[in-house]
Amino acid sequence: MAELLQKAYGETDPQYGSPPEERPIEEHLSRGIINLDKSSGPTSHEIDAWVKRILQCDKTGHGGTLDPRVTGVLPIGIDNATRAIQLLLEAPKEYVCLMRIHEDVGKERVVNILEEFTGKIFQTPPLRSAVKRELRVRSVYYVNILEIDGQDALFRIGCEAGTYIRKYCHDIGEALGCGAHMAELRRTRVGDFQEDETLKTLQDVTDAYHYWKEDDDEAPLRECVLPMEQAASHLKQVVVRDSAVDALCHGADLAAGGILQLSEGIKRKETLAVLTLKGELVAAGEALATTNEIDQAEKGIMVNIKKVFMEPGTYPMMWK
């Protein structure tokens, strides 16, 4: 995480709240997210249901639906973290895709066409999609070709949320004049969730829960379940005083006086994560000013709070 600018100084009272990594295991679980490695076959909703049954929790939710045949990173929020998981819906995504081109057009044409389909692209969502079918612009941040073998092209693609890779392959086929389709797809990143040591299978989760319940060993479960703050780690941040926390939990917007630290490069209308000095996720909101304006401001509303993730009463009421 990048260094934060210090706007003002304040201390946090250890009596209230808790650093995310120090929560008791029951609270850790109810505010946790699993970086799950989805297998081919089940729907994302079926994976949700299985995690709910394994962990015997009240509710689960996933961050960005994957088609049944698509594998890879599927973050699953547990109980209170199901609200925070919504922050991942707009997070950048990365995939590794195997595209089958319907004729052998040569490597050079494939390389050139993938370069053309980088940057801003136009897409109409496919027939079987959950959104309205209208032309929209999406950003493809990069396309790295891993291998081209005859009519098969394997590439890694980083893109804006809401980019349809199946449609991307179809449109490339149209541009080549011979057709193409997505043969296989694996998601390798959602925000800061990626293919690393935190990526776990359903079997890993099952075993970890068993060790906790049967052997009173919570270490494997803590390894499987990440704090819900991870869902906001791709966002720019503002850190607030203890005295501002409860007002935010009751729906108040964030004023200049409540801000202690903030990320560089904040733009107006950007979604920000609002954190305590202990690193707990309080809320998410829309920036009403830039980093420089927030840093200089002595009064006025700086962040319009859109979603609250912390329960009122976690920190004492210091407002009237």
C-alpha atoms as a PDB file:
ATOM      1  CA  MET A   1       0.000   0.000   0.000  1.00  0.00           C
ATOM      2  CA  ALA A   2       1.337   3.464  -0.938  1.00  0.00           C
ATOM      3  CA  GLU A   3       2.314   5.903   1.800  1.00  0.00           C
ATOM      4  CA  LEU A   4      -0.498   8.196   2.950  1.00  0.00           C
ATOM      5  CA  LEU A   5      -0.258  11.977   3.291  1.00  0.00           C
ATOM      6  CA  GLN A   6      -0.536  13.232   6.872  1.00  0.00           C
ATOM      7  CA  LYS A   7      -3.174  15.988   7.096  1.00  0.00           C
ATOM      8  CA  ALA A   8      -3.398  16.050  10.897  1.00  0.00           C
ATOM      9  CA  TYR A   9      -2.362  13.956  13.898  1.00  0.00           C
ATOM     10  CA  GLY A  10      -4.502  11.877  16.220  1.00  0.00           C
ATOM     11  CA  GLU A  11      -4.400   8.793  18.431  1.00  0.00           C
ATOM     12  CA  THR A  12      -6.681   5.773  18.613  1.00  0.00           C
ATOM     13  CA  ASP A  13      -8.143   4.358  21.830  1.00  0.00           C
ATOM     14  CA  PRO A  14      -7.311   0.622  22.188  1.00  0.00           C
ATOM     15  CA  GLN A  15     -10.611   0.091  24.081  1.00  0.00           C
ATOM     16  CA  TYR A  16     -12.613   0.436  20.848  1.00  0.00           C
ATOM     17  CA  GLY A  17     -12.466  -1.549  17.640  1.00  0.00           C
ATOM     18  CA  SER A  18      -9.612  -3.876  16.748  1.00  0.00           C
ATOM     19  CA  PRO A  19      -6.924  -4.135  14.048  1.00  0.00           C
ATOM     20  CA  PRO A  20      -8.430  -6.476  11.394  1.00  0.00           C
ATOM     21  CA  GLU A  21      -5.770  -9.176  11.888  1.00  0.00           C
ATOM     22  CA  GLU A  22      -6.383  -9.263  15.672  1.00  0.00           C
ATOM     23  CA  ARG A  23     -10.135  -9.910  15.652  1.00  0.00           C
ATOM     24  CA  PRO A  24     -11.334 -12.966  17.633  1.00  0.00           C
ATOM     25  CA  ILE A  25     -11.859 -15.913  15.272  1.00  0.00           C
ATOM     26  CA  GLU A  26     -15.700 -15.738  15.320  1.00  0.00           C
ATOM     27  CA  GLU A  27     -15.610 -12.031  14.434  1.00  0.00           C
ATOM     28  CA  HIS A  28     -12.809 -12.640  11.917  1.00  0.00           C
ATOM     29  CA  LEU A  29     -15.018 -15.228  10.220  1.00  0.00           C
ATOM     30  CA  SER A  30     -18.125 -13.011  10.154  1.00  0.00           C
ATOM     31  CA  ARG A  31     -16.079 -10.152   8.626  1.00  0.00           C
ATOM     32  CA  GLY A  32     -14.033 -12.344   6.324  1.00  0.00           C
ATOM     33  CA  ILE A  33     -13.490 -12.905   2.616  1.00  0.00           C
ATOM     34  CA  ILE A  34     -12.161 -16.064   0.983  1.00  0.00           C
ATOM     35  CA  ASN A  35      -9.996 -15.763  -2.124  1.00  0.00           C
ATOM     36  CA  LEU A  36     -11.573 -18.865  -3.645  1.00  0.00           C
ATOM     37  CA  ASP A  37     -10.258 -20.808  -6.633  1.00  0.00           C
ATOM     38  CA  LYS A  38     -13.425 -21.679  -8.537  1.00  0.00           C
ATOM     39  CA  SER A  39     -13.388 -24.965 -10.462  1.00  0.00           C
ATOM     40  CA  SER A  40     -15.099 -25.558 -13.814  1.00  0.00           C
ATOM     41  CA  GLY A  41     -18.714 -26.735 -13.615  1.00  0.00           C
ATOM     42  CA  PRO A  42     -20.622 -25.093 -10.758  1.00  0.00           C
ATOM     43  CA  THR A  43     -22.222 -21.648 -10.970  1.00  0.00           C
ATOM     44  CA  SER A  44     -20.943 -18.822  -8.758  1.00  0.00           C
ATOM     45  CA  HIS A  45     -24.190 -19.030  -6.755  1.00  0.00           C
ATOM     46  CA  GLU A  46     -23.646 -22.752  -6.140  1.00  0.00           C
ATOM     47  CA  ILE A  47     -20.146 -21.972  -4.824  1.00  0.00           C
ATOM     48  CA  ASP A  48     -21.726 -19.389  -2.475  1.00  0.00           C
ATOM     49  CA  ALA A  49     -24.167 -21.990  -1.173  1.00  0.00           C
ATOM     50  CA  TRP A  50     -21.433 -24.582  -0.607  1.00  0.00           C
ATOM     51  CA  VAL A  51     -19.250 -22.116   1.343  1.00  0.00           C
ATOM     52  CA  LYS A  52     -22.270 -21.138   3.441  1.00  0.00           C
ATOM     53  CA  ARG A  53     -22.908 -24.808   4.247  1.00  0.00           C
ATOM     54  CA  ILE A  54     -19.226 -25.586   4.980  1.00  0.00           C
ATOM     55  CA  LEU A  55     -18.802 -22.626   7.360  1.00  0.00           C
ATOM     56  CA  GLN A  56     -22.357 -22.864   8.778  1.00  0.00           C
ATOM     57  CA  CYS A  57     -22.711 -19.082   8.409  1.00  0.00           C
ATOM     58  CA  ASP A  58     -25.853 -16.997   7.795  1.00  0.00           C
ATOM     59  CA  LYS A  59     -25.014 -15.594   4.370  1.00  0.00           C
ATOM     60  CA  THR A  60     -22.365 -15.428   1.658  1.00  0.00           C
ATOM     61  CA  GLY A  61     -21.889 -13.350  -1.488  1.00  0.00           C
ATOM     62  CA  HIS A  62     -19.372 -13.293  -4.337  1.00  0.00           C
ATOM     63  CA  GLY A  63     -17.441 -10.489  -6.000  1.00  0.00           C
ATOM     64  CA  GLY A  64     -18.062 -10.721  -9.737  1.00  0.00           C
ATOM     65  CA  THR A  65     -19.918 -13.686 -11.250  1.00  0.00           C
ATOM     66  CA  LEU A  66     -18.019 -16.295 -13.265  1.00  0.00           C
ATOM     67  CA  ASP A  67     -19.744 -18.509 -15.862  1.00  0.00           C
ATOM     68  CA  PRO A  68     -19.922 -22.216 -14.903  1.00  0.00           C
ATOM     69  CA  ARG A  69     -17.064 -23.281 -17.215  1.00  0.00           C
ATOM     70  CA  VAL A  70     -14.787 -20.390 -16.202  1.00  0.00           C
ATOM     71  CA  THR A  71     -12.265 -21.039 -13.408  1.00  0.00           C
ATOM     72  CA  GLY A  72     -10.160 -18.908 -11.104  1.00  0.00           C
ATOM     73  CA  VAL A  73     -10.393 -16.089  -8.592  1.00  0.00           C
ATOM     74  CA  LEU A  74     -13.869 -15.765  -7.022  1.00  0.00           C
ATOM     75  CA  PRO A  75     -13.809 -13.725  -3.780  1.00  0.00           C
ATOM     76  CA  ILE A  76     -16.533 -14.898  -1.358  1.00  0.00           C
ATOM     77  CA  GLY A  77     -17.742 -12.598   1.435  1.00  0.00           C
ATOM     78  CA  ILE A  78     -19.042 -14.112   4.686  1.00  0.00           C
ATOM     79  CA  ASP A  79     -21.891 -12.622   6.779  1.00  0.00           C
ATOM     80  CA  ASN A  80     -21.034  -8.926   7.469  1.00  0.00           C
ATOM     81  CA  ALA A  81     -18.445  -8.927   4.666  1.00  0.00           C
ATOM     82  CA  THR A  82     -21.114  -9.558   2.007  1.00  0.00           C
ATOM     83  CA  ARG A  83     -21.688  -5.785   1.942  1.00  0.00           C
ATOM     84  CA  ALA A  84     -17.981  -5.041   1.478  1.00  0.00           C
ATOM     85  CA  ILE A  85     -17.690  -7.579  -1.355  1.00  0.00           C
ATOM     86  CA  GLN A  86     -19.806  -5.199  -3.479  1.00  0.00           C
ATOM     87  CA  LEU A  87     -16.740  -2.924  -3.703  1.00  0.00           C
ATOM     88  CA  LEU A  88     -15.132  -5.552  -5.948  1.00  0.00           C
ATOM     89  CA  LEU A  89     -17.875  -5.386  -8.576  1.00  0.00           C
ATOM     90  CA  GLU A  90     -16.265  -2.245 -10.045  1.00  0.00           C
ATOM     91  CA  ALA A  91     -12.664  -3.389  -9.449  1.00  0.00           C
ATOM     92  CA  PRO A  92     -10.329  -4.107 -12.413  1.00  0.00           C
ATOM     93  CA  LYS A  93     -10.144  -7.759 -13.512  1.00  0.00           C
ATOM     94  CA  GLU A  94      -7.468  -9.921 -15.136  1.00  0.00           C
ATOM     95  CA  TYR A  95      -7.931 -13.144 -17.130  1.00  0.00           C
ATOM     96  CA  VAL A  96      -5.894 -15.707 -19.030  1.00  0.00           C
ATOM     97  CA  CYS A  97      -7.814 -16.630 -22.197  1.00  0.00           C
ATOM     98  CA  LEU A  98      -7.382 -19.289 -24.847  1.00  0.00           C
ATOM     99  CA  MET A  99      -8.932 -17.988 -28.084  1.00  0.00           C
ATOM    100  CA  ARG A 100      -9.546 -20.275 -31.073  1.00  0.00           C
ATOM    101  CA  ILE A 101      -9.415 -18.436 -34.418  1.00  0.00           C
ATOM    102  CA  HIS A 102     -11.475 -20.186 -37.111  1.00  0.00           C
ATOM    103  CA  GLU A 103      -8.719 -19.935 -39.758  1.00  0.00           C
ATOM    104  CA  ASP A 104      -4.935 -19.779 -39.567  1.00  0.00           C
ATOM    105  CA  VAL A 105      -4.271 -16.072 -40.218  1.00  0.00           C
ATOM    106  CA  GLY A 106      -0.615 -16.051 -39.133  1.00  0.00           C
ATOM    107  CA  LYS A 107       1.011 -14.792 -35.940  1.00  0.00           C
ATOM    108  CA  GLU A 108       1.601 -11.249 -37.157  1.00  0.00           C
ATOM    109  CA  ARG A 109      -2.092 -10.586 -37.839  1.00  0.00           C
ATOM    110  CA  VAL A 110      -3.038 -11.960 -34.407  1.00  0.00           C
ATOM    111  CA  VAL A 111      -0.436  -9.769 -32.676  1.00  0.00           C
ATOM    112  CA  ASN A 112      -1.604  -6.694 -34.608  1.00  0.00           C
ATOM    113  CA  ILE A 113      -5.306  -7.269 -33.949  1.00  0.00           C
ATOM    114  CA  LEU A 114      -4.735  -7.729 -30.197  1.00  0.00           C
ATOM    115  CA  GLU A 115      -2.834  -4.438 -30.171  1.00  0.00           C
ATOM    116  CA  GLU A 116      -5.810  -2.778 -31.905  1.00  0.00           C
ATOM    117  CA  PHE A 117      -8.168  -4.204 -29.253  1.00  0.00           C
ATOM    118  CA  THR A 118      -6.277  -2.500 -26.399  1.00  0.00           C
ATOM    119  CA  GLY A 119      -7.361   0.775 -24.807  1.00  0.00           C
ATOM    120  CA  LYS A 120     -10.966   1.945 -25.191  1.00  0.00           C
ATOM    121  CA  ILE A 121     -13.194  -0.620 -26.926  1.00  0.00           C
ATOM    122  CA  PHE A 122     -16.911  -0.724 -27.731  1.00  0.00           C
ATOM    123  CA  GLN A 123     -18.942  -3.728 -26.581  1.00  0.00           C
ATOM    124  CA  THR A 124     -22.554  -4.841 -26.627  1.00  0.00           C
ATOM    125  CA  PRO A 125     -23.168  -7.370 -23.808  1.00  0.00           C
ATOM    126  CA  PRO A 126     -24.021 -10.886 -25.056  1.00  0.00           C
ATOM    127  CA  LEU A 127     -27.626 -12.157 -25.221  1.00  0.00           C
ATOM    128  CA  ARG A 128     -27.231 -14.166 -22.022  1.00  0.00           C
ATOM    129  CA  SER A 129     -26.088 -11.374 -19.726  1.00  0.00           C
ATOM    130  CA  ALA A 130     -27.490  -9.803 -16.580  1.00  0.00           C
ATOM    131  CA  VAL A 131     -27.284  -6.239 -17.898  1.00  0.00           C
ATOM    132  CA  LYS A 132     -29.130  -4.186 -20.495  1.00  0.00           C
ATOM    133  CA  ARG A 133     -27.892  -4.898 -24.039  1.00  0.00           C
ATOM    134  CA  GLU A 134     -26.661  -1.527 -25.235  1.00  0.00           C
ATOM    135  CA  LEU A 135     -23.365  -0.388 -26.742  1.00  0.00           C
ATOM    136  CA  ARG A 136     -20.903   0.726 -24.093  1.00  0.00           C
ATOM    137  CA  VAL A 137     -17.238   1.648 -23.776  1.00  0.00           C
ATOM    138  CA  ARG A 138     -14.837  -0.487 -21.742  1.00  0.00           C
ATOM    139  CA  SER A 139     -11.078  -0.144 -21.140  1.00  0.00           C
ATOM    140  CA  VAL A 140      -8.608  -2.913 -21.894  1.00  0.00           C
ATOM    141  CA  TYR A 141      -5.506  -1.947 -19.910  1.00  0.00           C
ATOM    142  CA  TYR A 142      -3.105  -4.511 -21.400  1.00  0.00           C
ATOM    143  CA  VAL A 143      -2.976  -7.691 -23.481  1.00  0.00           C
ATOM    144  CA  ASN A 144       0.121  -9.867 -23.053  1.00  0.00           C
ATOM    145  CA  ILE A 145       0.437 -12.670 -25.613  1.00  0.00           C
ATOM    146  CA  LEU A 146       1.684 -15.841 -23.898  1.00  0.00           C
ATOM    147  CA  GLU A 147       1.653 -18.192 -26.898  1.00  0.00           C
ATOM    148  CA  ILE A 148       0.323 -18.454 -30.466  1.00  0.00           C
ATOM    149  CA  ASP A 149       0.086 -21.943 -31.927  1.00  0.00           C
ATOM    150  CA  GLY A 150      -1.651 -22.103 -35.315  1.00  0.00           C
ATOM    151  CA  GLN A 151      -5.288 -21.114 -34.721  1.00  0.00           C
ATOM    152  CA  ASP A 152      -4.913 -20.940 -30.921  1.00  0.00           C
ATOM    153  CA  ALA A 153      -3.863 -17.731 -29.142  1.00  0.00           C
ATOM    154  CA  LEU A 154      -3.184 -17.714 -25.394  1.00  0.00           C
ATOM    155  CA  PHE A 155      -3.102 -14.256 -23.793  1.00  0.00           C
ATOM    156  CA  ARG A 156      -3.373 -12.447 -20.465  1.00  0.00           C
ATOM    157  CA  ILE A 157      -5.774  -9.494 -20.428  1.00  0.00           C
ATOM    158  CA  GLY A 158      -6.293  -6.772 -17.831  1.00  0.00           C
ATOM    159  CA  CYS A 159      -9.576  -4.914 -18.190  1.00  0.00           C
ATOM    160  CA  GLU A 160     -12.231  -2.727 -16.657  1.00  0.00           C
ATOM    161  CA  ALA A 161     -15.084  -4.353 -14.741  1.00  0.00           C
ATOM    162  CA  GLY A 162     -17.937  -5.340 -17.040  1.00  0.00           C
ATOM    163  CA  THR A 163     -15.732  -6.344 -19.997  1.00  0.00           C
ATOM    164  CA  TYR A 164     -17.015  -9.561 -21.604  1.00  0.00           C
ATOM    165  CA  ILE A 165     -14.078 -11.704 -22.732  1.00  0.00           C
ATOM    166  CA  ARG A 166     -16.320 -14.062 -24.729  1.00  0.00           C
ATOM    167  CA  LYS A 167     -17.599 -11.044 -26.693  1.00  0.00           C
ATOM    168  CA  TYR A 168     -14.032  -9.683 -26.949  1.00  0.00           C
ATOM    169  CA  CYS A 169     -12.938 -12.894 -28.737  1.00  0.00           C
ATOM    170  CA  HIS A 170     -16.031 -12.828 -30.971  1.00  0.00           C
ATOM    171  CA  ASP A 171     -15.327  -9.216 -32.000  1.00  0.00           C
ATOM    172  CA  ILE A 172     -11.686 -10.046 -32.787  1.00  0.00           C
ATOM    173  CA  GLY A 173     -12.931 -12.858 -35.045  1.00  0.00           C
ATOM    174  CA  GLU A 174     -15.245 -10.393 -36.811  1.00  0.00           C
ATOM    175  CA  ALA A 175     -12.343  -7.963 -37.324  1.00  0.00           C
ATOM    176  CA  LEU A 176     -10.172 -10.755 -38.746  1.00  0.00           C
ATOM    177  CA  GLY A 177     -13.008 -11.711 -41.100  1.00  0.00           C
ATOM    178  CA  CYS A 178     -12.876 -15.422 -40.257  1.00  0.00           C
ATOM    179  CA  GLY A 179     -14.481 -15.704 -36.806  1.00  0.00           C
ATOM    180  CA  ALA A 180     -13.056 -16.627 -33.401  1.00  0.00           C
ATOM    181  CA  HIS A 181     -14.357 -17.858 -30.072  1.00  0.00           C
ATOM    182  CA  MET A 182     -13.264 -18.155 -26.448  1.00  0.00           C
ATOM    183  CA  ALA A 183     -12.174 -21.752 -25.882  1.00  0.00           C
ATOM    184  CA  GLU A 184     -11.103 -21.485 -22.211  1.00  0.00           C
ATOM    185  CA  LEU A 185     -10.982 -18.728 -19.597  1.00  0.00           C
ATOM    186  CA  ARG A 186      -9.449 -18.361 -16.157  1.00  0.00           C
ATOM    187  CA  ARG A 187      -9.743 -15.255 -13.985  1.00  0.00           C
ATOM    188  CA  THR A 188      -6.416 -14.445 -12.338  1.00  0.00           C
ATOM    189  CA  ARG A 189      -7.213 -11.197 -10.504  1.00  0.00           C
ATOM    190  CA  VAL A 190     -10.114  -9.205  -9.023  1.00  0.00           C
ATOM    191  CA  GLY A 191      -8.885  -5.935  -7.499  1.00  0.00           C
ATOM    192  CA  ASP A 192      -6.075  -7.089  -5.182  1.00  0.00           C
ATOM    193  CA  PHE A 193      -7.296 -10.710  -4.997  1.00  0.00           C
ATOM    194  CA  GLN A 194      -5.028 -12.788  -7.210  1.00  0.00           C
ATOM    195  CA  GLU A 195      -3.359 -16.144  -7.782  1.00  0.00           C
ATOM    196  CA  ASP A 196      -1.012 -16.186  -4.783  1.00  0.00           C
ATOM    197  CA  GLU A 197      -0.690 -18.033  -1.465  1.00  0.00           C
ATOM    198  CA  THR A 198      -4.104 -16.685  -0.348  1.00  0.00           C
ATOM    199  CA  LEU A 199      -5.964 -18.519  -3.172  1.00  0.00           C
ATOM    200  CA  LYS A 200      -7.820 -21.481  -1.612  1.00  0.00           C
ATOM    201  CA  THR A 201      -9.983 -24.360  -2.831  1.00  0.00           C
ATOM    202  CA  LEU A 202     -13.279 -25.527  -1.338  1.00  0.00           C
ATOM    203  CA  GLN A 203     -11.365 -28.496   0.101  1.00  0.00           C
ATOM    204  CA  ASP A 204      -8.925 -26.118   1.831  1.00  0.00           C
ATOM    205  CA  VAL A 205     -11.865 -24.279   3.424  1.00  0.00           C
ATOM    206  CA  THR A 206     -13.513 -27.546   4.497  1.00  0.00           C
ATOM    207  CA  ASP A 207     -10.297 -28.811   6.103  1.00  0.00           C
ATOM    208  CA  ALA A 208      -9.609 -25.479   7.852  1.00  0.00           C
ATOM    209  CA  TYR A 209     -13.111 -25.387   9.373  1.00  0.00           C
ATOM    210  CA  HIS A 210     -12.685 -29.004  10.552  1.00  0.00           C
ATOM    211  CA  TYR A 211      -9.361 -28.188  12.272  1.00  0.00           C
ATOM    212  CA  TRP A 212     -11.020 -25.284  14.103  1.00  0.00           C
ATOM    213  CA  LYS A 213     -14.127 -27.196  15.213  1.00  0.00           C
ATOM    214  CA  GLU A 214     -12.548 -30.573  15.942  1.00  0.00           C
ATOM    215  CA  ASP A 215      -8.991 -29.666  17.054  1.00  0.00           C
ATOM    216  CA  ASP A 216      -9.515 -26.088  18.277  1.00  0.00           C
ATOM    217  CA  ASP A 217      -6.817 -24.977  15.808  1.00  0.00           C
ATOM    218  CA  GLU A 218      -7.843 -21.676  14.207  1.00  0.00           C
ATOM    219  CA  ALA A 219      -4.586 -21.072  12.289  1.00  0.00           C
ATOM    220  CA  PRO A 220      -5.665 -22.818   9.020  1.00  0.00           C
ATOM    221  CA  LEU A 221      -8.975 -20.901   9.053  1.00  0.00           C
ATOM    222  CA  ARG A 222      -7.180 -17.581   9.515  1.00  0.00           C
ATOM    223  CA  GLU A 223      -5.040 -18.574   6.527  1.00  0.00           C
ATOM    224  CA  CYS A 224      -8.149 -19.288   4.405  1.00  0.00           C
ATOM    225  CA  VAL A 225     -10.217 -16.272   5.456  1.00  0.00           C
ATOM    226  CA  LEU A 226      -8.906 -12.740   4.858  1.00  0.00           C
ATOM    227  CA  PRO A 227     -10.194  -9.599   6.627  1.00  0.00           C
ATOM    228  CA  MET A 228     -12.979  -7.821   4.704  1.00  0.00           C
ATOM    229  CA  GLU A 229     -10.678  -4.781   4.410  1.00  0.00           C
ATOM    230  CA  GLN A 230      -9.009  -6.652   1.529  1.00  0.00           C
ATOM    231  CA  ALA A 231     -12.110  -5.884  -0.593  1.00  0.00           C
ATOM    232  CA  ALA A 232     -11.259  -2.175  -0.409  1.00  0.00           C
ATOM    233  CA  SER A 233      -7.475  -2.433  -0.825  1.00  0.00           C
ATOM    234  CA  HIS A 234      -7.635  -1.422  -4.516  1.00  0.00           C
ATOM    235  CA  LEU A 235      -9.288   1.907  -3.592  1.00  0.00           C
ATOM    236  CA  LYS A 236      -7.646   5.154  -2.513  1.00  0.00           C
ATOM    237  CA  GLN A 237      -8.080   5.839   1.208  1.00  0.00           C
ATOM    238  CA  VAL A 238      -8.865   8.380   3.882  1.00  0.00           C
ATOM    239  CA  VAL A 239      -8.100   7.632   7.538  1.00  0.00           C
ATOM    240  CA  VAL A 240     -10.334   9.281  10.144  1.00  0.00           C
ATOM    241  CA  ARG A 241     -10.262  10.240  13.819  1.00  0.00           C
ATOM    242  CA  ASP A 242     -11.869   7.942  16.388  1.00  0.00           C
ATOM    243  CA  SER A 243     -14.289  10.794  17.144  1.00  0.00           C
ATOM    244  CA  ALA A 244     -15.605  10.753  13.554  1.00  0.00           C
ATOM    245  CA  VAL A 245     -16.253   7.001  13.304  1.00  0.00           C
ATOM    246  CA  ASP A 246     -19.645   6.643  15.009  1.00  0.00           C
ATOM    247  CA  ALA A 247     -21.144   9.605  13.127  1.00  0.00           C
ATOM    248  CA  LEU A 248     -20.100   7.930   9.848  1.00  0.00           C
ATOM    249  CA  CYS A 249     -21.674   4.663  11.043  1.00  0.00           C
ATOM    250  CA  HIS A 250     -24.941   6.576  11.493  1.00  0.00           C
ATOM    251  CA  GLY A 251     -24.790   7.858   7.903  1.00  0.00           C
ATOM    252  CA  ALA A 252     -23.095  11.228   8.305  1.00  0.00           C
ATOM    253  CA  ASP A 253     -20.847  12.476   5.490  1.00  0.00           C
ATOM    254  CA  LEU A 254     -17.141  13.005   6.197  1.00  0.00           C
ATOM    255  CA  ALA A 255     -16.017  16.548   6.964  1.00  0.00           C
ATOM    256  CA  ALA A 256     -12.489  17.944   6.616  1.00  0.00           C
ATOM    257  CA  GLY A 257     -11.914  18.030  10.391  1.00  0.00           C
ATOM    258  CA  GLY A 258     -12.361  14.278  10.716  1.00  0.00           C
ATOM    259  CA  ILE A 259      -9.588  13.370   8.258  1.00  0.00           C
ATOM    260  CA  LEU A 260      -6.072  12.522   9.483  1.00  0.00           C
ATOM    261  CA  GLN A 261      -4.450  10.812   6.481  1.00  0.00           C
ATOM    262  CA  LEU A 262      -5.266  10.404   2.784  1.00  0.00           C
ATOM    263  CA  SER A 263      -3.968   8.857  -0.426  1.00  0.00           C
ATOM    264  CA  GLU A 264      -2.233  10.898  -3.087  1.00  0.00           C
ATOM    265  CA  GLY A 265      -3.921  11.375  -6.462  1.00  0.00           C
ATOM    266  CA  ILE A 266      -7.548  11.449  -5.285  1.00  0.00           C
ATOM    267  CA  LYS A 267      -9.865  12.779  -7.976  1.00  0.00           C
ATOM    268  CA  ARG A 268     -13.369  14.198  -7.583  1.00  0.00           C
ATOM    269  CA  LYS A 269     -16.165  11.569  -7.828  1.00  0.00           C
ATOM    270  CA  GLU A 270     -13.672   8.744  -7.173  1.00  0.00           C
ATOM    271  CA  THR A 271     -14.774   5.991  -4.752  1.00  0.00           C
ATOM    272  CA  LEU A 272     -12.711   6.085  -1.544  1.00  0.00           C
ATOM    273  CA  ALA A 273     -12.310   3.641   1.345  1.00  0.00           C
ATOM    274  CA  VAL A 274     -12.756   5.259   4.780  1.00  0.00           C
ATOM    275  CA  LEU A 275     -10.615   3.579   7.469  1.00  0.00           C
ATOM    276  CA  THR A 276      -9.920   3.952  11.189  1.00  0.00           C
ATOM    277  CA  LEU A 277      -6.412   4.464  12.562  1.00  0.00           C
ATOM    278  CA  LYS A 278      -6.445   0.709  13.354  1.00  0.00           C
ATOM    279  CA  GLY A 279      -7.045  -0.064   9.668  1.00  0.00           C
ATOM    280  CA  GLU A 280     -10.716  -1.070   9.997  1.00  0.00           C
ATOM    281  CA  LEU A 281     -13.047  -0.423   7.063  1.00  0.00           C
ATOM    282  CA  VAL A 282     -15.755   2.023   8.180  1.00  0.00           C
ATOM    283  CA  ALA A 283     -17.386   3.021   4.914  1.00  0.00           C
ATOM    284  CA  ALA A 284     -16.948   3.840   1.238  1.00  0.00           C
ATOM    285  CA  GLY A 285     -17.859   7.156  -0.322  1.00  0.00           C
ATOM    286  CA  GLU A 286     -17.481   9.549  -3.231  1.00  0.00           C
ATOM    287  CA  ALA A 287     -14.689  12.127  -3.109  1.00  0.00           C
ATOM    288  CA  LEU A 288     -16.042  15.665  -3.359  1.00  0.00           C
ATOM    289  CA  ALA A 289     -12.553  17.182  -3.629  1.00  0.00           C
ATOM    290  CA  THR A 290      -9.027  16.292  -4.800  1.00  0.00           C
ATOM    291  CA  THR A 291      -6.141  15.246  -2.526  1.00  0.00           C
ATOM    292  CA  ASN A 292      -4.730  18.785  -2.498  1.00  0.00           C
ATOM    293  CA  GLU A 293      -8.128  20.359  -1.741  1.00  0.00           C
ATOM    294  CA  ILE A 294      -8.834  17.906   1.095  1.00  0.00           C
ATOM    295  CA  ASP A 295      -5.361  18.431   2.551  1.00  0.00           C
ATOM    296  CA  GLN A 296      -5.820  22.224   2.604  1.00  0.00           C
ATOM    297  CA  ALA A 297      -9.463  22.263   3.773  1.00  0.00           C
ATOM    298  CA  GLU A 298     -10.304  23.207   7.369  1.00  0.00           C
ATOM    299  CA  LYS A 299     -14.057  22.729   7.066  1.00  0.00           C
ATOM    300  CA  GLY A 300     -16.726  21.419   4.691  1.00  0.00           C
ATOM    301  CA  ILE A 301     -17.820  17.968   3.509  1.00  0.00           C
ATOM    302  CA  MET A 302     -15.020  16.120   1.685  1.00  0.00           C
ATOM    303  CA  VAL A 303     -16.514  12.647   1.183  1.00  0.00           C
ATOM    304  CA  ASN A 304     -20.140  11.767   0.439  1.00  0.00           C
ATOM    305  CA  ILE A 305     -20.642   8.447   2.278  1.00  0.00           C
ATOM    306  CA  LYS A 306     -22.411   5.866   0.086  1.00  0.00           C
ATOM    307  CA  LYS A 307     -22.030   2.564   1.990  1.00  0.00           C
ATOM    308  CA  VAL A 308     -21.367   1.889   5.678  1.00  0.00           C
ATOM    309  CA  PHE A 309     -19.696  -1.375   6.740  1.00  0.00           C
ATOM    310  CA  MET A 310     -19.100  -0.854  10.468  1.00  0.00           C
ATOM    311  CA  GLU A 311     -21.885  -1.236  13.023  1.00  0.00           C
ATOM    312  CA  PRO A 312     -22.863   1.874  15.024  1.00  0.00           C
ATOM    313  CA  GLY A 313     -21.579   1.698  18.604  1.00  0.00           C
ATOM    314  CA  THR A 314     -18.238   0.086  17.669  1.00  0.00           C
ATOM    315  CA  TYR A 315     -16.652   3.441  18.628  1.00  0.00           C
ATOM    316  CA  PRO A 316     -18.156   5.832  21.213  1.00  0.00           C
ATOM    317  CA  MET A 317     -20.578   8.560  20.148  1.00  0.00           C
ATOM    318  CA  MET A 318     -18.754  11.898  20.220  1.00  0.00           C
ATOM    319  CA  TRP A 319     -21.290  13.928  18.255  1.00  0.00           C
ATOM    320  CA  LYS A 320     -24.679  15.518  18.926  1.00  0.00           C
END
